[in-house]
Each structure stands twice: as C-alpha cells, then as structure tokens.
Amino acid sequence: MVLNKGELIRDTTPLAMRSEEIEKHFILPLAYKEVVEQSNLVENWSQKQDALQVVTREADAFWELLVQAGCNIQEIEVNNRSLLDTIFEETQKGDN
C-alpha cells in the first residue's frame, strides 16, 4: 500500500509497482530534433538550450530510430521513470 497523509494512493505489491509502465527519459543533442518531431514513439518532448528532452515508453524502438539517424550511445543520456517514481513525485508536489 502507498499512503500519503493517511490517504490510500495505491494498493499493490512493490514488485508489481516497479514493473508497471516504465517511461524512458532521453536527453539528446539538438541534431536529432527532426527524428523526435517525426516519431510517433515520442510521448512528450521539449527543447532546452543545448539538448532535447524526450519521454517514451517504447525505448527500444526509439533507440533504433536514433541509431538509424547516426546517433551513438555516447551522445545520449537515458533514465528510467517508473510509476512508483511518478507517485512519489506527485505526493511531494502535494506536500509543498
């Protein structure tokens, strides 16, 4: 169970919660903006001063697109974001 201030947020097992819908957050050079704009695998993206921030649930397929566009692993950063991370972030926002 996940509680926030005594209120039930989720009733599941920790293992099940960790394995639920994992988002991948990619940070890419601006050179791949066209790939990002044209991809239907991207759920959300934003452009920062010197990089693109991309969210997808289809990391393997998105990575293949990047490789086809000439991207190599040294150019990117990838982070996992699980449903558990999202829940904790939302409860933190509510506490502020």
PDB file of N, CA and C in Angstrom:
ATOM      1  N   MET A   1       0.834  -1.180   0.000  1.00  0.00           N
ATOM      2  CA  MET A   1       0.000   0.000   0.000  1.00  0.00           C
ATOM      3  C   MET A   1       0.882   1.247   0.000  1.00  0.00           C
ATOM      4  N   VAL A   2       0.450   2.243  -0.717  1.00  0.00           N
ATOM      5  CA  VAL A   2       1.127   3.530  -0.711  1.00  0.00           C
ATOM      6  C   VAL A   2       0.148   4.534  -0.132  1.00  0.00           C
ATOM      7  N   LEU A   3       0.562   5.167   0.961  1.00  0.00           N
ATOM      8  CA  LEU A   3      -0.273   6.156   1.633  1.00  0.00           C
ATOM      9  C   LEU A   3       0.382   7.521   1.557  1.00  0.00           C
ATOM     10  N   ASN A   4      -0.424   8.545   1.479  1.00  0.00           N
ATOM     11  CA  ASN A   4       0.048   9.915   1.575  1.00  0.00           C
ATOM     12  C   ASN A   4      -0.854  10.635   2.557  1.00  0.00           C
ATOM     13  N   LYS A   5      -0.280  11.016   3.690  1.00  0.00           N
ATOM     14  CA  LYS A   5      -1.041  11.682   4.752  1.00  0.00           C
ATOM     15  C   LYS A   5      -2.262  10.861   5.146  1.00  0.00           C
ATOM     16  N   GLY A   6      -2.067   9.545   5.222  1.00  0.00           N
ATOM     17  CA  GLY A   6      -3.136   8.647   5.638  1.00  0.00           C
ATOM     18  C   GLY A   6      -4.118   8.274   4.550  1.00  0.00           C
ATOM     19  N   GLU A   7      -3.956   8.825   3.364  1.00  0.00           N
ATOM     20  CA  GLU A   7      -4.864   8.537   2.256  1.00  0.00           C
ATOM     21  C   GLU A   7      -4.239   7.483   1.345  1.00  0.00           C
ATOM     22  N   LEU A   8      -5.003   6.445   1.018  1.00  0.00           N
ATOM     23  CA  LEU A   8      -4.519   5.378   0.156  1.00  0.00           C
ATOM     24  C   LEU A   8      -4.366   5.887  -1.275  1.00  0.00           C
ATOM     25  N   ILE A   9      -3.152   5.758  -1.793  1.00  0.00           N
ATOM     26  CA  ILE A   9      -2.877   6.181  -3.163  1.00  0.00           C
ATOM     27  C   ILE A   9      -2.838   4.982  -4.093  1.00  0.00           C
ATOM     28  N   ARG A  10      -2.168   3.908  -3.662  1.00  0.00           N
ATOM     29  CA  ARG A  10      -2.065   2.680  -4.456  1.00  0.00           C
ATOM     30  C   ARG A  10      -2.118   1.485  -3.526  1.00  0.00           C
ATOM     31  N   ASP A  11      -2.765   0.420  -3.969  1.00  0.00           N
ATOM     32  CA  ASP A  11      -2.813  -0.831  -3.220  1.00  0.00           C
ATOM     33  C   ASP A  11      -2.306  -1.934  -4.140  1.00  0.00           C
ATOM     34  N   THR A  12      -1.008  -2.185  -4.074  1.00  0.00           N
ATOM     35  CA  THR A  12      -0.365  -3.177  -4.931  1.00  0.00           C
ATOM     36  C   THR A  12       0.909  -3.642  -4.249  1.00  0.00           C
ATOM     37  N   THR A  13       1.610  -4.574  -4.856  1.00  0.00           N
ATOM     38  CA  THR A  13       2.875  -5.030  -4.285  1.00  0.00           C
ATOM     39  C   THR A  13       4.012  -4.160  -4.816  1.00  0.00           C
ATOM     40  N   PRO A  14       5.095  -4.041  -4.060  1.00  0.00           N
ATOM     41  CA  PRO A  14       6.237  -3.248  -4.547  1.00  0.00           C
ATOM     42  C   PRO A  14       6.797  -3.763  -5.873  1.00  0.00           C
ATOM     43  N   LEU A  15       6.881  -5.083  -6.021  1.00  0.00           N
ATOM     44  CA  LEU A  15       7.405  -5.650  -7.265  1.00  0.00           C
ATOM     45  C   LEU A  15       6.513  -5.297  -8.454  1.00  0.00           C
ATOM     46  N   ALA A  16       5.220  -5.429  -8.277  1.00  0.00           N
ATOM     47  CA  ALA A  16       4.288  -5.094  -9.360  1.00  0.00           C
ATOM     48  C   ALA A  16       4.361  -3.614  -9.697  1.00  0.00           C
ATOM     49  N   MET A  17       4.504  -2.790  -8.684  1.00  0.00           N
ATOM     50  CA  MET A  17       4.547  -1.351  -8.900  1.00  0.00           C
ATOM     51  C   MET A  17       5.805  -0.941  -9.672  1.00  0.00           C
ATOM     52  N   ARG A  18       6.934  -1.557  -9.345  1.00  0.00           N
ATOM     53  CA  ARG A  18       8.182  -1.227 -10.039  1.00  0.00           C
ATOM     54  C   ARG A  18       8.137  -1.638 -11.502  1.00  0.00           C
ATOM     55  N   SER A  19       7.401  -2.687 -11.802  1.00  0.00           N
ATOM     56  CA  SER A  19       7.382  -3.183 -13.180  1.00  0.00           C
ATOM     57  C   SER A  19       6.304  -2.534 -14.042  1.00  0.00           C
ATOM     58  N   GLU A  20       5.431  -1.735 -13.454  1.00  0.00           N
ATOM     59  CA  GLU A  20       4.378  -1.077 -14.227  1.00  0.00           C
ATOM     60  C   GLU A  20       4.968   0.028 -15.093  1.00  0.00           C
ATOM     61  N   GLU A  21       4.442   0.139 -16.260  1.00  0.00           N
ATOM     62  CA  GLU A  21       4.748   1.169 -17.240  1.00  0.00           C
ATOM     63  C   GLU A  21       5.950   2.036 -16.913  1.00  0.00           C
ATOM     64  N   ILE A  22       7.079   1.631 -17.419  1.00  0.00           N
ATOM     65  CA  ILE A  22       8.295   2.409 -17.212  1.00  0.00           C
ATOM     66  C   ILE A  22       8.482   3.351 -18.388  1.00  0.00           C
ATOM     67  N   GLU A  23       8.606   4.612 -18.085  1.00  0.00           N
ATOM     68  CA  GLU A  23       8.930   5.604 -19.096  1.00  0.00           C
ATOM     69  C   GLU A  23      10.442   5.719 -19.167  1.00  0.00           C
ATOM     70  N   LYS A  24      10.934   6.003 -20.337  1.00  0.00           N
ATOM     71  CA  LYS A  24      12.349   6.299 -20.532  1.00  0.00           C
ATOM     72  C   LYS A  24      12.458   7.772 -20.879  1.00  0.00           C
ATOM     73  N   HIS A  25      13.368   8.427 -20.208  1.00  0.00           N
ATOM     74  CA  HIS A  25      13.643   9.836 -20.457  1.00  0.00           C
ATOM     75  C   HIS A  25      15.002   9.934 -21.139  1.00  0.00           C
ATOM     76  N   PHE A  26      14.998  10.383 -22.380  1.00  0.00           N
ATOM     77  CA  PHE A  26      16.221  10.543 -23.159  1.00  0.00           C
ATOM     78  C   PHE A  26      16.617  12.014 -23.163  1.00  0.00           C
ATOM     79  N   ILE A  27      17.905  12.277 -23.076  1.00  0.00           N
ATOM     80  CA  ILE A  27      18.449  13.607 -23.324  1.00  0.00           C
ATOM     81  C   ILE A  27      19.354  13.459 -24.540  1.00  0.00           C
ATOM     82  N   LEU A  28      19.035  14.220 -25.580  1.00  0.00           N
ATOM     83  CA  LEU A  28      19.690  14.074 -26.884  1.00  0.00           C
ATOM     84  C   LEU A  28      20.252  15.395 -27.370  1.00  0.00           C
ATOM     85  N   PRO A  29      21.258  15.346 -28.235  1.00  0.00           N
ATOM     86  CA  PRO A  29      21.721  16.568 -28.893  1.00  0.00           C
ATOM     87  C   PRO A  29      20.624  17.129 -29.802  1.00  0.00           C
ATOM     88  N   LEU A  30      20.668  18.419 -30.022  1.00  0.00           N
ATOM     89  CA  LEU A  30      19.682  19.084 -30.878  1.00  0.00           C
ATOM     90  C   LEU A  30      19.692  18.547 -32.310  1.00  0.00           C
ATOM     91  N   ALA A  31      20.768  17.922 -32.712  1.00  0.00           N
ATOM     92  CA  ALA A  31      20.884  17.391 -34.076  1.00  0.00           C
ATOM     93  C   ALA A  31      19.799  16.366 -34.400  1.00  0.00           C
ATOM     94  N   TYR A  32      19.165  15.792 -33.383  1.00  0.00           N
ATOM     95  CA  TYR A  32      18.156  14.755 -33.606  1.00  0.00           C
ATOM     96  C   TYR A  32      16.727  15.281 -33.471  1.00  0.00           C
ATOM     97  N   LYS A  33      16.574  16.582 -33.541  1.00  0.00           N
ATOM     98  CA  LYS A  33      15.249  17.187 -33.390  1.00  0.00           C
ATOM     99  C   LYS A  33      14.268  16.685 -34.455  1.00  0.00           C
ATOM    100  N   GLU A  34      14.710  16.567 -35.684  1.00  0.00           N
ATOM    101  CA  GLU A  34      13.814  16.111 -36.753  1.00  0.00           C
ATOM    102  C   GLU A  34      13.333  14.680 -36.497  1.00  0.00           C
ATOM    103  N   VAL A  35      14.218  13.829 -36.000  1.00  0.00           N
ATOM    104  CA  VAL A  35      13.837  12.448 -35.660  1.00  0.00           C
ATOM    105  C   VAL A  35      12.750  12.467 -34.595  1.00  0.00           C
ATOM    106  N   VAL A  36      12.935  13.292 -33.577  1.00  0.00           N
ATOM    107  CA  VAL A  36      11.976  13.397 -32.471  1.00  0.00           C
ATOM    108  C   VAL A  36      10.637  13.920 -32.978  1.00  0.00           C
ATOM    109  N   GLU A  37      10.677  14.974 -33.771  1.00  0.00           N
ATOM    110  CA  GLU A  37       9.440  15.580 -34.281  1.00  0.00           C
ATOM    111  C   GLU A  37       8.633  14.613 -35.152  1.00  0.00           C
ATOM    112  N   GLN A  38       9.310  13.759 -35.891  1.00  0.00           N
ATOM    113  CA  GLN A  38       8.625  12.866 -36.824  1.00  0.00           C
ATOM    114  C   GLN A  38       8.239  11.521 -36.214  1.00  0.00           C
ATOM    115  N   SER A  39       8.705  11.237 -35.011  1.00  0.00           N
ATOM    116  CA  SER A  39       8.459   9.926 -34.411  1.00  0.00           C
ATOM    117  C   SER A  39       7.121   9.870 -33.690  1.00  0.00           C
ATOM    118  N   ASN A  40       6.375   8.801 -33.943  1.00  0.00           N
ATOM    119  CA  ASN A  40       5.132   8.580 -33.201  1.00  0.00           C
ATOM    120  C   ASN A  40       5.392   7.801 -31.910  1.00  0.00           C
ATOM    121  N   LEU A  41       6.651   7.500 -31.625  1.00  0.00           N
ATOM    122  CA  LEU A  41       7.029   6.797 -30.396  1.00  0.00           C
ATOM    123  C   LEU A  41       7.225   7.756 -29.227  1.00  0.00           C
ATOM    124  N   VAL A  42       7.333   9.039 -29.528  1.00  0.00           N
ATOM    125  CA  VAL A  42       7.602  10.058 -28.513  1.00  0.00           C
ATOM    126  C   VAL A  42       6.290  10.515 -27.893  1.00  0.00           C
ATOM    127  N   GLU A  43       6.203  10.408 -26.570  1.00  0.00           N
ATOM    128  CA  GLU A  43       5.000  10.864 -25.863  1.00  0.00           C
ATOM    129  C   GLU A  43       5.053  12.354 -25.570  1.00  0.00           C
ATOM    130  N   ASN A  44       6.244  12.824 -25.277  1.00  0.00           N
ATOM    131  CA  ASN A  44       6.414  14.217 -24.898  1.00  0.00           C
ATOM    132  C   ASN A  44       7.867  14.588 -25.149  1.00  0.00           C
ATOM    133  N   TRP A  45       8.110  15.823 -25.548  1.00  0.00           N
ATOM    134  CA  TRP A  45       9.486  16.283 -25.685  1.00  0.00           C
ATOM    135  C   TRP A  45       9.536  17.783 -25.499  1.00  0.00           C
ATOM    136  N   SER A  46      10.727  18.258 -25.131  1.00  0.00           N
ATOM    137  CA  SER A  46      10.941  19.693 -25.004  1.00  0.00           C
ATOM    138  C   SER A  46      12.371  20.003 -25.420  1.00  0.00           C
ATOM    139  N   GLN A  47      12.555  21.229 -25.861  1.00  0.00           N
ATOM    140  CA  GLN A  47      13.885  21.661 -26.279  1.00  0.00           C
ATOM    141  C   GLN A  47      14.435  22.602 -25.232  1.00  0.00           C
ATOM    142  N   LYS A  48      15.603  22.279 -24.745  1.00  0.00           N
ATOM    143  CA  LYS A  48      16.326  23.151 -23.824  1.00  0.00           C
ATOM    144  C   LYS A  48      17.383  23.884 -24.643  1.00  0.00           C
ATOM    145  N   GLN A  49      18.196  24.662 -23.985  1.00  0.00           N
ATOM    146  CA  GLN A  49      19.179  25.478 -24.698  1.00  0.00           C
ATOM    147  C   GLN A  49      20.090  24.650 -25.606  1.00  0.00           C
ATOM    148  N   ASP A  50      20.569  23.520 -25.107  1.00  0.00           N
ATOM    149  CA  ASP A  50      21.530  22.749 -25.888  1.00  0.00           C
ATOM    150  C   ASP A  50      21.180  21.267 -26.014  1.00  0.00           C
ATOM    151  N   ALA A  51      19.935  20.898 -25.696  1.00  0.00           N
ATOM    152  CA  ALA A  51      19.559  19.483 -25.744  1.00  0.00           C
ATOM    153  C   ALA A  51      18.051  19.323 -25.883  1.00  0.00           C
ATOM    154  N   LEU A  52      17.656  18.121 -26.285  1.00  0.00           N
ATOM    155  CA  LEU A  52      16.248  17.745 -26.341  1.00  0.00           C
ATOM    156  C   LEU A  52      15.968  16.790 -25.197  1.00  0.00           C
ATOM    157  N   GLN A  53      14.841  16.964 -24.530  1.00  0.00           N
ATOM    158  CA  GLN A  53      14.399  16.030 -23.501  1.00  0.00           C
ATOM    159  C   GLN A  53      13.187  15.303 -24.059  1.00  0.00           C
ATOM    160  N   VAL A  54      13.277  13.974 -24.105  1.00  0.00           N
ATOM    161  CA  VAL A  54      12.272  13.154 -24.768  1.00  0.00           C
ATOM    162  C   VAL A  54      11.762  12.084 -23.814  1.00  0.00           C
ATOM    163  N   VAL A  55      10.442  11.871 -23.812  1.00  0.00           N
ATOM    164  CA  VAL A  55       9.825  10.821 -22.999  1.00  0.00           C
ATOM    165  C   VAL A  55       9.167   9.818 -23.935  1.00  0.00           C
ATOM    166  N   THR A  56       9.438   8.532 -23.696  1.00  0.00           N
ATOM    167  CA  THR A  56       8.829   7.459 -24.479  1.00  0.00           C
ATOM    168  C   THR A  56       8.640   6.221 -23.612  1.00  0.00           C
ATOM    169  N   ARG A  57       7.680   5.411 -23.962  1.00  0.00           N
ATOM    170  CA  ARG A  57       7.504   4.094 -23.343  1.00  0.00           C
ATOM    171  C   ARG A  57       8.003   3.001 -24.288  1.00  0.00           C
ATOM    172  N   GLU A  58       8.455   3.404 -25.458  1.00  0.00           N
ATOM    173  CA  GLU A  58       8.947   2.480 -26.491  1.00  0.00           C
ATOM    174  C   GLU A  58      10.436   2.721 -26.708  1.00  0.00           C
ATOM    175  N   ALA A  59      11.226   2.519 -25.663  1.00  0.00           N
ATOM    176  CA  ALA A  59      12.645   2.870 -25.694  1.00  0.00           C
ATOM    177  C   ALA A  59      13.433   2.109 -26.753  1.00  0.00           C
ATOM    178  N   ASP A  60      13.209   0.812 -26.879  1.00  0.00           N
ATOM    179  CA  ASP A  60      13.975   0.028 -27.854  1.00  0.00           C
ATOM    180  C   ASP A  60      13.728   0.509 -29.281  1.00  0.00           C
ATOM    181  N   ALA A  61      12.478   0.706 -29.615  1.00  0.00           N
ATOM    182  CA  ALA A  61      12.140   1.162 -30.967  1.00  0.00           C
ATOM    183  C   ALA A  61      12.661   2.581 -31.209  1.00  0.00           C
ATOM    184  N   PHE A  62      12.560   3.440 -30.197  1.00  0.00           N
ATOM    185  CA  PHE A  62      13.061   4.810 -30.339  1.00  0.00           C
ATOM    186  C   PHE A  62      14.579   4.798 -30.500  1.00  0.00           C
ATOM    187  N   TRP A  63      15.261   3.955 -29.730  1.00  0.00           N
ATOM    188  CA  TRP A  63      16.715   3.843 -29.857  1.00  0.00           C
ATOM    189  C   TRP A  63      17.091   3.406 -31.275  1.00  0.00           C
ATOM    190  N   GLU A  64      16.346   2.475 -31.856  1.00  0.00           N
ATOM    191  CA  GLU A  64      16.621   2.037 -33.227  1.00  0.00           C
ATOM    192  C   GLU A  64      16.512   3.204 -34.209  1.00  0.00           C
ATOM    193  N   LEU A  65      15.513   4.061 -34.013  1.00  0.00           N
ATOM    194  CA  LEU A  65      15.389   5.250 -34.868  1.00  0.00           C
ATOM    195  C   LEU A  65      16.611   6.145 -34.746  1.00  0.00           C
ATOM    196  N   LEU A  66      17.066   6.332 -33.514  1.00  0.00           N
ATOM    197  CA  LEU A  66      18.239   7.178 -33.291  1.00  0.00           C
ATOM    198  C   LEU A  66      19.485   6.582 -33.945  1.00  0.00           C
ATOM    199  N   VAL A  67      19.657   5.275 -33.816  1.00  0.00           N
ATOM    200  CA  VAL A  67      20.807   4.602 -34.437  1.00  0.00           C
ATOM    201  C   VAL A  67      20.760   4.777 -35.953  1.00  0.00           C
ATOM    202  N   GLN A  68      19.578   4.612 -36.538  1.00  0.00           N
ATOM    203  CA  GLN A  68      19.423   4.793 -37.988  1.00  0.00           C
ATOM    204  C   GLN A  68      19.764   6.219 -38.407  1.00  0.00           C
ATOM    205  N   ALA A  69      19.565   7.169 -37.495  1.00  0.00           N
ATOM    206  CA  ALA A  69      19.873   8.571 -37.778  1.00  0.00           C
ATOM    207  C   ALA A  69      21.340   8.897 -37.497  1.00  0.00           C
ATOM    208  N   GLY A  70      22.123   7.883 -37.084  1.00  0.00           N
ATOM    209  CA  GLY A  70      23.549   8.095 -36.862  1.00  0.00           C
ATOM    210  C   GLY A  70      23.940   8.388 -35.426  1.00  0.00           C
ATOM    211  N   CYS A  71      23.019   8.236 -34.506  1.00  0.00           N
ATOM    212  CA  CYS A  71      23.299   8.512 -33.095  1.00  0.00           C
ATOM    213  C   CYS A  71      24.122   7.372 -32.493  1.00  0.00           C
ATOM    214  N   ASN A  72      25.071   7.728 -31.629  1.00  0.00           N
ATOM    215  CA  ASN A  72      25.780   6.691 -30.889  1.00  0.00           C
ATOM    216  C   ASN A  72      25.525   6.874 -29.397  1.00  0.00           C
ATOM    217  N   ILE A  73      25.775   5.841 -28.650  1.00  0.00           N
ATOM    218  CA  ILE A  73      25.407   5.788 -27.233  1.00  0.00           C
ATOM    219  C   ILE A  73      26.080   6.891 -26.407  1.00  0.00           C
ATOM    220  N   GLN A  74      27.262   7.332 -26.818  1.00  0.00           N
ATOM    221  CA  GLN A  74      27.972   8.366 -26.063  1.00  0.00           C
ATOM    222  C   GLN A  74      27.289   9.729 -26.133  1.00  0.00           C
ATOM    223  N   GLU A  75      26.411   9.911 -27.098  1.00  0.00           N
ATOM    224  CA  GLU A  75      25.751  11.204 -27.287  1.00  0.00           C
ATOM    225  C   GLU A  75      24.524  11.407 -26.408  1.00  0.00           C
ATOM    226  N   ILE A  76      24.018  10.335 -25.795  1.00  0.00           N
ATOM    227  CA  ILE A  76      22.731  10.439 -25.113  1.00  0.00           C
ATOM    228  C   ILE A  76      22.820  10.084 -23.635  1.00  0.00           C
ATOM    229  N   GLU A  77      21.780  10.458 -22.931  1.00  0.00           N
ATOM    230  CA  GLU A  77      21.582  10.054 -21.538  1.00  0.00           C
ATOM    231  C   GLU A  77      20.174   9.471 -21.462  1.00  0.00           C
ATOM    232  N   VAL A  78      20.023   8.347 -20.750  1.00  0.00           N
ATOM    233  CA  VAL A  78      18.718   7.701 -20.619  1.00  0.00           C
ATOM    234  C   VAL A  78      18.462   7.406 -19.151  1.00  0.00           C
ATOM    235  N   ASN A  79      17.268   7.753 -18.689  1.00  0.00           N
ATOM    236  CA  ASN A  79      16.865   7.476 -17.312  1.00  0.00           C
ATOM    237  C   ASN A  79      15.526   6.758 -17.307  1.00  0.00           C
ATOM    238  N   ASN A  80      15.361   5.856 -16.344  1.00  0.00           N
ATOM    239  CA  ASN A  80      14.081   5.176 -16.143  1.00  0.00           C
ATOM    240  C   ASN A  80      13.199   6.020 -15.247  1.00  0.00           C
ATOM    241  N   ARG A  81      11.920   5.952 -15.501  1.00  0.00           N
ATOM    242  CA  ARG A  81      10.954   6.610 -14.629  1.00  0.00           C
ATOM    243  C   ARG A  81       9.773   5.662 -14.495  1.00  0.00           C
ATOM    244  N   SER A  82       9.641   5.066 -13.336  1.00  0.00           N
ATOM    245  CA  SER A  82       8.575   4.095 -13.113  1.00  0.00           C
ATOM    246  C   SER A  82       7.330   4.786 -12.578  1.00  0.00           C
ATOM    247  N   LEU A  83       6.252   4.038 -12.533  1.00  0.00           N
ATOM    248  CA  LEU A  83       5.022   4.545 -11.940  1.00  0.00           C
ATOM    249  C   LEU A  83       5.259   4.918 -10.485  1.00  0.00           C
ATOM    250  N   LEU A  84       6.094   4.145  -9.798  1.00  0.00           N
ATOM    251  CA  LEU A  84       6.427   4.442  -8.406  1.00  0.00           C
ATOM    252  C   LEU A  84       7.085   5.814  -8.292  1.00  0.00           C
ATOM    253  N   ASP A  85       8.022   6.130  -9.184  1.00  0.00           N
ATOM    254  CA  ASP A  85       8.658   7.450  -9.187  1.00  0.00           C
ATOM    255  C   ASP A  85       7.620   8.549  -9.371  1.00  0.00           C
ATOM    256  N   THR A  86       6.697   8.329 -10.288  1.00  0.00           N
ATOM    257  CA  THR A  86       5.660   9.317 -10.563  1.00  0.00           C
ATOM    258  C   THR A  86       4.779   9.556  -9.346  1.00  0.00           C
ATOM    259  N   ILE A  87       4.395   8.483  -8.672  1.00  0.00           N
ATOM    260  CA  ILE A  87       3.552   8.619  -7.476  1.00  0.00           C
ATOM    261  C   ILE A  87       4.270   9.415  -6.401  1.00  0.00           C
ATOM    262  N   PHE A  88       5.531   9.098  -6.163  1.00  0.00           N
ATOM    263  CA  PHE A  88       6.273   9.826  -5.138  1.00  0.00           C
ATOM    264  C   PHE A  88       6.463  11.288  -5.514  1.00  0.00           C
ATOM    265  N   GLU A  89       6.675  11.572  -6.788  1.00  0.00           N
ATOM    266  CA  GLU A  89       6.801  12.960  -7.215  1.00  0.00           C
ATOM    267  C   GLU A  89       5.495  13.715  -6.983  1.00  0.00           C
ATOM    268  N   GLU A  90       4.371  13.088  -7.318  1.00  0.00           N
ATOM    269  CA  GLU A  90       3.073  13.727  -7.135  1.00  0.00           C
ATOM    270  C   GLU A  90       2.773  13.992  -5.661  1.00  0.00           C
ATOM    271  N   THR A  91       3.139  13.059  -4.788  1.00  0.00           N
ATOM    272  CA  THR A  91       2.889  13.283  -3.360  1.00  0.00           C
ATOM    273  C   THR A  91       3.798  14.378  -2.827  1.00  0.00           C
ATOM    274  N   GLN A  92       5.006  14.493  -3.377  1.00  0.00           N
ATOM    275  CA  GLN A  92       5.911  15.568  -2.967  1.00  0.00           C
ATOM    276  C   GLN A  92       5.334  16.927  -3.359  1.00  0.00           C
ATOM    277  N   LYS A  93       4.769  17.018  -4.566  1.00  0.00           N
ATOM    278  CA  LYS A  93       4.156  18.272  -5.010  1.00  0.00           C
ATOM    279  C   LYS A  93       3.007  18.664  -4.093  1.00  0.00           C
ATOM    280  N   GLY A  94       2.237  17.671  -3.669  1.00  0.00           N
ATOM    281  CA  GLY A  94       1.103  17.937  -2.788  1.00  0.00           C
ATOM    282  C   GLY A  94       1.521  18.398  -1.409  1.00  0.00           C
ATOM    283  N   ASP A  95       2.729  18.015  -0.990  1.00  0.00           N
ATOM    284  CA  ASP A  95       3.225  18.404   0.330  1.00  0.00           C
ATOM    285  C   ASP A  95       3.738  19.832   0.353  1.00  0.00           C
ATOM    286  N   ASN A  96       4.060  20.387  -0.794  1.00  0.00           N
ATOM    287  CA  ASN A  96       4.628  21.748  -0.851  1.00  0.00           C
ATOM    288  C   ASN A  96       3.563  22.801  -0.845  1.00  0.00           C
TER     289      ASN A  96
END
